[in-house]
N, C-alpha and C. Protein backbone atom coordinates (compact mmCIF):
# COMPACT_ATOMS: atom_id res chain seq x y z
N MET A 1 51.58 153.11 -156.20
CA MET A 1 52.27 151.82 -156.92
C MET A 1 51.48 151.21 -158.06
N ASP A 2 52.60 150.63 -158.74
CA ASP A 2 51.71 150.17 -160.15
C ASP A 2 51.10 148.69 -159.67
N SER A 3 49.74 148.31 -160.19
CA SER A 3 49.30 147.12 -159.70
C SER A 3 50.04 146.07 -160.34
N GLY A 4 50.65 146.26 -161.56
CA GLY A 4 51.25 145.22 -162.46
C GLY A 4 52.61 144.42 -161.47
N LEU A 5 53.07 145.11 -160.47
CA LEU A 5 53.99 144.60 -159.85
C LEU A 5 53.60 143.64 -158.55
N ILE A 6 52.40 143.84 -158.33
CA ILE A 6 51.67 142.96 -157.08
C ILE A 6 51.03 141.63 -157.76
N PRO A 7 51.66 140.50 -157.19
CA PRO A 7 51.38 139.20 -157.70
C PRO A 7 49.93 138.93 -157.49
N ASP A 8 49.10 138.11 -158.17
CA ASP A 8 47.85 137.43 -158.28
C ASP A 8 47.82 136.61 -157.03
N PRO A 9 47.02 136.83 -155.95
CA PRO A 9 46.86 136.07 -154.89
C PRO A 9 46.56 134.48 -155.28
N GLU A 10 45.57 134.28 -156.36
CA GLU A 10 45.19 133.03 -156.85
C GLU A 10 46.33 132.39 -157.42
N TYR A 11 47.30 132.99 -158.01
CA TYR A 11 48.46 132.56 -158.75
C TYR A 11 49.40 131.88 -157.64
N LEU A 12 49.68 132.88 -156.54
CA LEU A 12 50.39 132.43 -155.45
C LEU A 12 50.03 131.25 -154.61
N ARG A 13 48.58 131.12 -154.39
CA ARG A 13 48.03 129.98 -153.71
C ARG A 13 48.32 128.69 -154.42
N LEU A 14 48.06 128.79 -155.86
CA LEU A 14 48.22 127.73 -156.70
C LEU A 14 49.79 127.40 -156.67
N ILE A 15 50.64 128.12 -156.90
CA ILE A 15 52.08 127.85 -156.92
C ILE A 15 52.70 127.10 -155.48
N SER A 16 51.83 127.58 -154.52
CA SER A 16 52.27 127.13 -153.02
C SER A 16 51.80 125.77 -152.74
N GLN A 17 50.78 125.45 -153.55
CA GLN A 17 50.08 124.01 -153.46
C GLN A 17 50.93 123.11 -154.44
N GLY A 18 51.84 123.77 -155.23
CA GLY A 18 52.63 122.96 -156.30
C GLY A 18 51.80 122.54 -157.50
N ARG A 19 50.71 123.36 -157.78
CA ARG A 19 49.77 123.25 -158.89
C ARG A 19 50.22 124.53 -159.86
N SER A 20 49.99 124.11 -161.18
CA SER A 20 50.25 125.48 -162.13
C SER A 20 48.88 126.08 -162.39
N PRO A 21 48.88 127.20 -162.52
CA PRO A 21 47.77 127.94 -162.86
C PRO A 21 47.16 127.62 -164.23
N ARG A 22 45.99 127.49 -164.40
CA ARG A 22 45.09 127.03 -165.65
C ARG A 22 45.24 128.16 -166.52
N PHE A 23 45.78 127.95 -167.91
CA PHE A 23 45.62 129.05 -168.82
C PHE A 23 44.33 128.82 -169.70
N ARG A 24 43.91 129.98 -170.03
CA ARG A 24 42.57 129.98 -170.82
C ARG A 24 42.76 130.96 -172.08
N ALA A 25 42.60 130.35 -173.33
CA ALA A 25 42.66 131.13 -174.31
C ALA A 25 41.55 132.12 -174.54
N PRO A 26 41.85 133.12 -175.01
CA PRO A 26 40.89 134.27 -175.45
C PRO A 26 39.46 133.85 -176.01
N ARG A 27 38.59 134.17 -175.40
CA ARG A 27 37.08 133.79 -176.11
C ARG A 27 36.72 134.64 -177.02
N LEU A 28 35.93 134.09 -177.93
CA LEU A 28 35.48 134.91 -179.09
C LEU A 28 34.20 135.75 -178.78
N VAL A 29 34.24 137.06 -178.76
CA VAL A 29 33.03 137.77 -178.63
C VAL A 29 32.20 137.85 -179.56
N ARG A 30 30.81 137.78 -179.10
CA ARG A 30 29.79 137.56 -180.10
C ARG A 30 29.93 138.57 -181.24
N GLY A 31 29.81 138.19 -182.58
CA GLY A 31 29.88 139.23 -183.58
C GLY A 31 31.10 139.40 -184.20
N GLU A 32 32.15 139.00 -183.42
CA GLU A 32 33.53 139.33 -183.74
C GLU A 32 33.91 138.36 -184.94
N ARG A 33 34.84 138.92 -185.84
CA ARG A 33 35.26 138.26 -186.88
C ARG A 33 36.27 137.25 -186.61
N PHE A 34 36.44 136.02 -187.33
CA PHE A 34 37.44 134.89 -186.94
C PHE A 34 37.98 134.32 -187.97
N LEU A 35 38.99 133.67 -187.94
CA LEU A 35 39.72 132.91 -189.07
C LEU A 35 39.18 131.40 -188.94
N CYS A 36 38.72 130.90 -190.10
CA CYS A 36 38.15 129.56 -190.21
C CYS A 36 39.43 128.57 -190.30
N GLY A 37 39.23 127.42 -189.71
CA GLY A 37 40.35 126.47 -189.88
C GLY A 37 39.65 125.36 -190.22
N PRO A 38 40.42 124.21 -190.34
CA PRO A 38 41.84 124.12 -190.03
C PRO A 38 42.64 124.79 -191.17
N VAL A 39 43.55 125.65 -190.88
CA VAL A 39 44.72 126.06 -191.77
C VAL A 39 45.82 125.23 -191.70
N PRO A 40 46.39 124.49 -192.79
CA PRO A 40 47.46 123.53 -192.90
C PRO A 40 48.90 124.47 -192.51
N LEU A 41 49.50 123.99 -191.13
CA LEU A 41 50.36 124.63 -190.92
C LEU A 41 51.65 124.67 -191.73
N ARG A 42 51.85 123.58 -192.58
CA ARG A 42 52.83 123.56 -193.54
C ARG A 42 52.66 124.55 -194.58
N TRP A 43 51.47 125.04 -195.17
CA TRP A 43 51.18 126.09 -195.94
C TRP A 43 51.69 127.41 -195.13
N LEU A 44 51.04 127.56 -193.95
CA LEU A 44 51.63 128.87 -193.27
C LEU A 44 53.03 129.11 -193.23
N GLU A 45 53.85 127.90 -192.97
CA GLU A 45 55.13 127.91 -192.58
C GLU A 45 55.91 128.35 -194.18
N ARG A 46 55.40 127.73 -195.12
CA ARG A 46 55.78 128.12 -196.45
C ARG A 46 55.73 129.41 -196.92
N ALA A 47 54.47 129.94 -196.57
CA ALA A 47 54.07 131.37 -196.89
C ALA A 47 54.87 132.33 -196.03
N GLY A 48 55.29 131.95 -194.60
CA GLY A 48 56.15 132.69 -193.92
C GLY A 48 57.52 132.89 -194.46
N ARG A 49 57.92 131.75 -194.96
CA ARG A 49 59.39 131.99 -195.54
C ARG A 49 59.35 132.78 -196.92
N CYS A 50 58.28 133.16 -197.53
CA CYS A 50 58.38 134.02 -198.55
C CYS A 50 58.61 135.46 -198.13
N ARG A 51 59.11 136.14 -199.19
CA ARG A 51 59.37 137.78 -199.14
C ARG A 51 58.14 138.56 -198.75
N GLY A 52 58.43 139.77 -198.07
CA GLY A 52 57.38 140.84 -197.91
C GLY A 52 56.22 140.42 -197.12
N LYS A 53 55.07 140.82 -197.52
CA LYS A 53 53.92 140.72 -196.89
C LYS A 53 52.95 139.40 -197.14
N SER A 54 54.01 138.47 -197.58
CA SER A 54 53.26 137.03 -198.10
C SER A 54 52.51 136.49 -196.96
N LEU A 55 52.89 136.21 -196.02
CA LEU A 55 52.28 135.69 -194.77
C LEU A 55 50.86 136.46 -194.34
N HIS A 56 50.97 137.82 -194.56
CA HIS A 56 49.73 138.57 -194.34
C HIS A 56 48.96 138.18 -195.18
N VAL A 57 49.26 138.38 -196.67
CA VAL A 57 48.25 138.14 -197.76
C VAL A 57 47.51 136.69 -197.59
N GLY A 58 48.49 135.57 -197.36
CA GLY A 58 48.02 134.33 -197.01
C GLY A 58 46.86 134.20 -195.92
N ILE A 59 47.14 134.93 -195.05
CA ILE A 59 46.06 135.01 -193.81
C ILE A 59 44.80 135.60 -194.28
N VAL A 60 44.87 136.73 -195.03
CA VAL A 60 43.67 137.30 -195.89
C VAL A 60 43.06 136.16 -196.55
N LEU A 61 43.64 135.47 -197.41
CA LEU A 61 43.20 134.53 -198.39
C LEU A 61 42.46 133.38 -197.52
N TRP A 62 43.02 133.00 -196.40
CA TRP A 62 42.33 131.93 -195.54
C TRP A 62 40.96 132.38 -194.87
N TYR A 63 41.32 133.78 -194.58
CA TYR A 63 39.87 134.48 -193.88
C TYR A 63 38.82 134.55 -195.03
N ARG A 64 39.39 134.85 -196.14
CA ARG A 64 38.23 135.37 -197.29
C ARG A 64 37.78 133.83 -197.72
N LEU A 65 38.59 132.65 -197.68
CA LEU A 65 38.02 131.41 -197.98
C LEU A 65 37.02 130.88 -197.09
N GLY A 66 37.25 131.14 -195.89
CA GLY A 66 36.19 130.71 -194.98
C GLY A 66 34.82 131.50 -194.88
N LEU A 67 34.86 132.74 -195.42
CA LEU A 67 33.67 133.56 -195.68
C LEU A 67 33.09 133.06 -197.07
N THR A 68 33.87 132.84 -198.04
CA THR A 68 32.92 132.56 -199.36
C THR A 68 32.67 131.05 -199.53
N LYS A 69 33.54 130.27 -198.91
CA LYS A 69 33.52 128.73 -199.20
C LYS A 69 33.44 128.24 -200.62
N GLN A 70 34.30 129.34 -201.40
CA GLN A 70 34.38 129.22 -202.84
C GLN A 70 35.84 128.62 -203.23
N ARG A 71 36.12 127.88 -204.32
CA ARG A 71 37.37 127.69 -204.74
C ARG A 71 38.12 128.75 -205.11
N GLN A 72 37.64 129.75 -205.85
CA GLN A 72 38.10 130.87 -206.37
C GLN A 72 37.89 132.12 -205.37
N ILE A 73 38.77 132.73 -204.83
CA ILE A 73 38.63 133.87 -203.87
C ILE A 73 38.71 135.00 -204.57
N PRO A 74 37.91 135.78 -204.63
CA PRO A 74 37.96 137.33 -205.14
C PRO A 74 38.64 138.11 -203.92
N LEU A 75 39.93 138.75 -204.33
CA LEU A 75 40.54 139.53 -203.27
C LEU A 75 40.59 140.94 -203.96
N GLY A 76 40.17 141.77 -203.12
CA GLY A 76 40.17 143.11 -203.41
C GLY A 76 41.06 143.92 -202.25
N ASN A 77 41.18 145.22 -202.64
CA ASN A 77 42.08 146.06 -201.70
C ASN A 77 41.40 146.41 -200.33
N PRO A 78 40.19 146.25 -200.00
CA PRO A 78 39.62 146.73 -198.88
C PRO A 78 40.01 145.61 -198.11
N ASP A 79 39.93 144.33 -198.34
CA ASP A 79 40.28 143.21 -197.64
C ASP A 79 41.76 143.22 -197.03
N LEU A 80 42.68 143.64 -198.08
CA LEU A 80 43.99 143.72 -197.87
C LEU A 80 44.32 144.98 -196.69
N LYS A 81 43.73 146.16 -196.83
CA LYS A 81 43.98 147.13 -195.93
C LYS A 81 43.55 146.95 -194.61
N ARG A 82 42.47 146.11 -194.26
CA ARG A 82 42.32 145.75 -192.99
C ARG A 82 43.43 145.17 -192.17
N PHE A 83 44.38 144.40 -193.09
CA PHE A 83 45.53 143.79 -192.32
C PHE A 83 46.76 144.61 -192.75
N GLY A 84 46.55 145.68 -193.04
CA GLY A 84 47.80 146.64 -193.36
C GLY A 84 48.70 146.36 -194.45
N VAL A 85 47.75 145.74 -195.74
CA VAL A 85 48.69 145.46 -196.76
C VAL A 85 48.28 146.59 -197.89
N SER A 86 49.21 147.09 -198.44
CA SER A 86 48.93 148.19 -199.75
C SER A 86 48.64 147.16 -200.83
N ARG A 87 48.21 147.72 -201.99
CA ARG A 87 47.86 147.06 -203.27
C ARG A 87 49.25 146.60 -203.86
N PHE A 88 50.06 147.60 -203.68
CA PHE A 88 51.45 147.19 -204.26
C PHE A 88 52.16 145.98 -203.62
N ALA A 89 52.07 146.16 -202.05
CA ALA A 89 52.89 144.94 -201.69
C ALA A 89 51.97 143.73 -201.76
N ALA A 90 50.68 143.75 -201.87
CA ALA A 90 49.76 142.64 -202.04
C ALA A 90 50.34 141.90 -203.58
N SER A 91 50.32 142.87 -204.54
CA SER A 91 50.95 142.47 -205.97
C SER A 91 52.01 141.56 -205.71
N ARG A 92 53.06 141.96 -205.11
CA ARG A 92 54.27 141.58 -205.00
C ARG A 92 54.13 140.13 -204.10
N ALA A 93 53.66 140.44 -203.12
CA ALA A 93 53.24 138.94 -202.40
C ALA A 93 52.61 137.85 -203.00
N LEU A 94 51.65 138.14 -203.82
CA LEU A 94 50.94 137.07 -204.58
C LEU A 94 51.80 136.61 -205.55
N CYS A 95 52.78 137.34 -206.05
CA CYS A 95 53.78 136.75 -207.08
C CYS A 95 54.66 135.81 -206.21
N TYR A 96 55.07 135.94 -204.99
CA TYR A 96 55.98 135.67 -204.13
C TYR A 96 55.25 133.90 -203.94
N LEU A 97 53.95 134.08 -203.51
CA LEU A 97 53.10 132.91 -203.01
C LEU A 97 52.95 132.18 -204.38
N GLU A 98 52.79 132.70 -205.55
CA GLU A 98 52.54 131.95 -206.70
C GLU A 98 53.85 131.15 -207.22
N HIS A 99 54.97 131.85 -206.86
CA HIS A 99 56.37 131.02 -207.15
C HIS A 99 56.51 129.91 -206.16
N ALA A 100 55.91 130.17 -205.00
CA ALA A 100 56.23 128.97 -204.02
C ALA A 100 55.33 127.97 -204.30
N GLY A 101 54.34 128.23 -205.14
CA GLY A 101 53.27 127.31 -205.42
C GLY A 101 52.33 126.88 -204.41
N LEU A 102 51.87 128.03 -203.68
CA LEU A 102 50.98 128.24 -202.75
C LEU A 102 49.63 128.50 -203.23
N VAL A 103 49.62 129.39 -204.28
CA VAL A 103 48.37 129.79 -204.92
C VAL A 103 48.36 129.97 -206.30
N SER A 104 47.41 130.04 -206.99
CA SER A 104 47.33 130.42 -208.54
C SER A 104 46.49 131.71 -208.63
N VAL A 105 46.83 132.54 -209.60
CA VAL A 105 46.21 133.88 -209.42
C VAL A 105 45.54 134.14 -210.83
N VAL A 106 44.27 134.50 -210.83
CA VAL A 106 43.83 135.21 -212.26
C VAL A 106 43.75 136.65 -212.52
N ARG A 107 44.38 137.33 -212.90
CA ARG A 107 44.30 138.85 -213.03
C ARG A 107 43.50 139.56 -214.11
N PHE A 108 42.68 140.50 -213.51
CA PHE A 108 41.85 141.27 -214.52
C PHE A 108 42.27 142.65 -214.33
N ARG A 109 42.15 143.57 -215.41
CA ARG A 109 42.35 144.79 -215.32
C ARG A 109 41.05 145.37 -215.01
N GLY A 110 41.27 146.34 -213.90
CA GLY A 110 40.17 147.11 -213.22
C GLY A 110 39.17 146.37 -212.23
N ARG A 111 39.62 144.80 -212.03
CA ARG A 111 38.75 144.15 -211.20
C ARG A 111 39.60 143.60 -210.15
N LYS A 112 38.71 142.77 -209.53
CA LYS A 112 39.42 141.97 -208.32
C LYS A 112 40.18 140.78 -209.10
N ARG A 113 41.20 140.38 -208.32
CA ARG A 113 42.07 139.27 -208.65
C ARG A 113 41.30 137.96 -208.23
N LEU A 114 41.20 136.80 -208.92
CA LEU A 114 40.51 135.60 -208.32
C LEU A 114 41.80 134.74 -207.92
N VAL A 115 41.86 134.38 -206.62
CA VAL A 115 43.04 133.63 -206.34
C VAL A 115 42.41 132.21 -205.76
N THR A 116 43.15 131.32 -206.07
CA THR A 116 43.05 129.87 -205.86
C THR A 116 44.21 129.40 -204.87
N ILE A 117 43.74 128.87 -203.63
CA ILE A 117 44.58 128.42 -202.89
C ILE A 117 45.04 126.95 -203.07
N CYS A 118 46.19 126.57 -203.23
CA CYS A 118 46.75 125.14 -203.42
C CYS A 118 47.34 124.68 -202.35
N PRO A 119 47.32 123.35 -202.33
CA PRO A 119 48.05 122.62 -201.16
C PRO A 119 49.40 122.93 -201.26
N ALA A 120 50.15 122.98 -199.97
CA ALA A 120 51.49 123.22 -199.78
C ALA A 120 52.26 122.22 -200.58
N PRO A 121 53.19 122.56 -201.48
CA PRO A 121 54.15 121.41 -201.71
C PRO A 121 54.94 120.58 -200.75
N ASP A 122 54.87 119.30 -201.11
CA ASP A 122 55.63 118.36 -200.30
C ASP A 122 57.13 118.74 -199.99
N PRO A 123 57.72 119.17 -198.89
CA PRO A 123 59.07 119.42 -198.74
C PRO A 123 60.09 118.32 -199.32
N ASP A 124 59.59 117.17 -199.27
CA ASP A 124 60.47 116.11 -199.94
C ASP A 124 60.46 115.87 -201.23
N ALA A 125 59.24 116.45 -202.07
CA ALA A 125 59.27 116.36 -203.48
C ALA A 125 59.97 117.57 -203.98
N ARG A 126 60.29 118.58 -203.15
CA ARG A 126 61.30 119.72 -203.59
C ARG A 126 62.66 119.25 -203.63
N SER A 127 63.19 118.53 -202.77
CA SER A 127 64.46 117.94 -202.87
C SER A 127 64.76 117.11 -203.76
N LYS A 128 63.52 116.51 -204.45
CA LYS A 128 63.83 115.53 -205.48
C LYS A 128 63.85 116.23 -206.93
N SER A 129 63.14 117.33 -206.78
CA SER A 129 62.95 118.06 -208.12
C SER A 129 64.29 118.57 -208.57
N PRO A 130 64.10 118.90 -210.01
CA PRO A 130 65.50 119.28 -210.40
C PRO A 130 65.91 120.79 -209.95
N ALA A 131 66.85 121.09 -210.10
CA ALA A 131 67.48 122.50 -209.62
C ALA A 131 66.73 123.52 -210.49
N GLY A 132 66.48 124.62 -209.57
CA GLY A 132 65.91 125.73 -210.31
C GLY A 132 64.36 125.56 -210.04
N SER A 133 64.00 124.74 -209.16
CA SER A 133 62.27 124.79 -208.93
C SER A 133 61.91 125.88 -208.33
N SER A 134 60.74 125.81 -207.89
CA SER A 134 60.12 126.98 -207.27
C SER A 134 60.63 127.48 -205.87
N ASP A 135 61.24 128.30 -205.68
CA ASP A 135 61.89 128.84 -204.51
C ASP A 135 60.98 130.07 -203.99
N PRO A 136 60.65 129.97 -202.56
CA PRO A 136 59.82 131.01 -202.04
C PRO A 136 60.30 132.21 -202.01
N HIS A 137 61.90 132.39 -202.17
CA HIS A 137 62.65 133.71 -202.28
C HIS A 137 62.91 133.96 -203.42
N SER A 138 62.74 133.39 -204.40
CA SER A 138 63.11 133.88 -205.98
C SER A 138 62.34 134.98 -206.34
N GLN A 139 62.78 135.69 -207.11
CA GLN A 139 62.38 136.63 -207.82
C GLN A 139 61.68 136.55 -209.10
N PRO A 140 60.75 137.20 -209.61
CA PRO A 140 60.11 136.81 -210.85
C PRO A 140 61.24 137.18 -211.94
N GLU A 141 61.09 136.47 -213.15
CA GLU A 141 62.20 136.66 -214.10
C GLU A 141 61.87 138.04 -214.51
N ALA A 142 63.12 138.59 -214.93
CA ALA A 142 63.24 139.90 -215.58
C ALA A 142 62.29 140.24 -216.62
N GLY A 143 61.55 141.10 -216.81
CA GLY A 143 60.89 141.35 -217.98
C GLY A 143 59.21 140.88 -217.82
N SER A 144 59.18 139.83 -216.84
CA SER A 144 57.87 139.39 -216.77
C SER A 144 57.17 140.19 -215.78
N ARG A 145 55.81 140.22 -215.91
CA ARG A 145 54.88 140.97 -215.25
C ARG A 145 53.63 140.18 -214.80
N PRO A 146 52.90 140.32 -213.68
CA PRO A 146 51.96 139.56 -213.35
C PRO A 146 50.74 139.95 -214.53
N GLY A 147 50.08 138.89 -214.81
CA GLY A 147 48.81 138.78 -215.69
C GLY A 147 49.23 138.61 -217.17
N GLN A 148 50.69 138.30 -217.45
CA GLN A 148 51.09 138.11 -218.93
C GLN A 148 51.23 136.81 -219.26
C-alpha cells in the first residue's frame, strides 16, 4: 500500500481539535546557496511579463548582486547555465529587460557583460508617458543589435 495515501496522525489530531496544522518553510542547509533580498516584487512582476527567459535572467542578476555587492554585475555564461539559460536566450532576455527599463547593459566583445539593475519603473508613470514608451513585450528595432 502506498504510504502517500495514509493521512498523518498528527494532522488528523489537529484537525479534530479544530486547529490548523502549522506550516514551516524549508530551512536553509549550511553551505547552501541562497538568493539575497529583499528583491522588489514590482521588479520581478515586470520581469515576469517580459518575453522568454527574462525572469530567469533577472533572478540570476539578483543572485549575483547579493554575491558581489557591486553596482555593476559581471554576468557570464556559467552563472546562466546553472539556471538553464543559454547565452543566446540570455542575450535576448537582457534586451527585453533593457527595453522594460529594468537593467542597463554594457557589452564587450569576448568578455562578460556588465549589468546594472535599475529600479522598476512606476506603473503610474507608464500610463502618463507618451505612446510608444518602453513596453516589456516590444521587440528591438529592426537592424539594431545589442552593443551598437
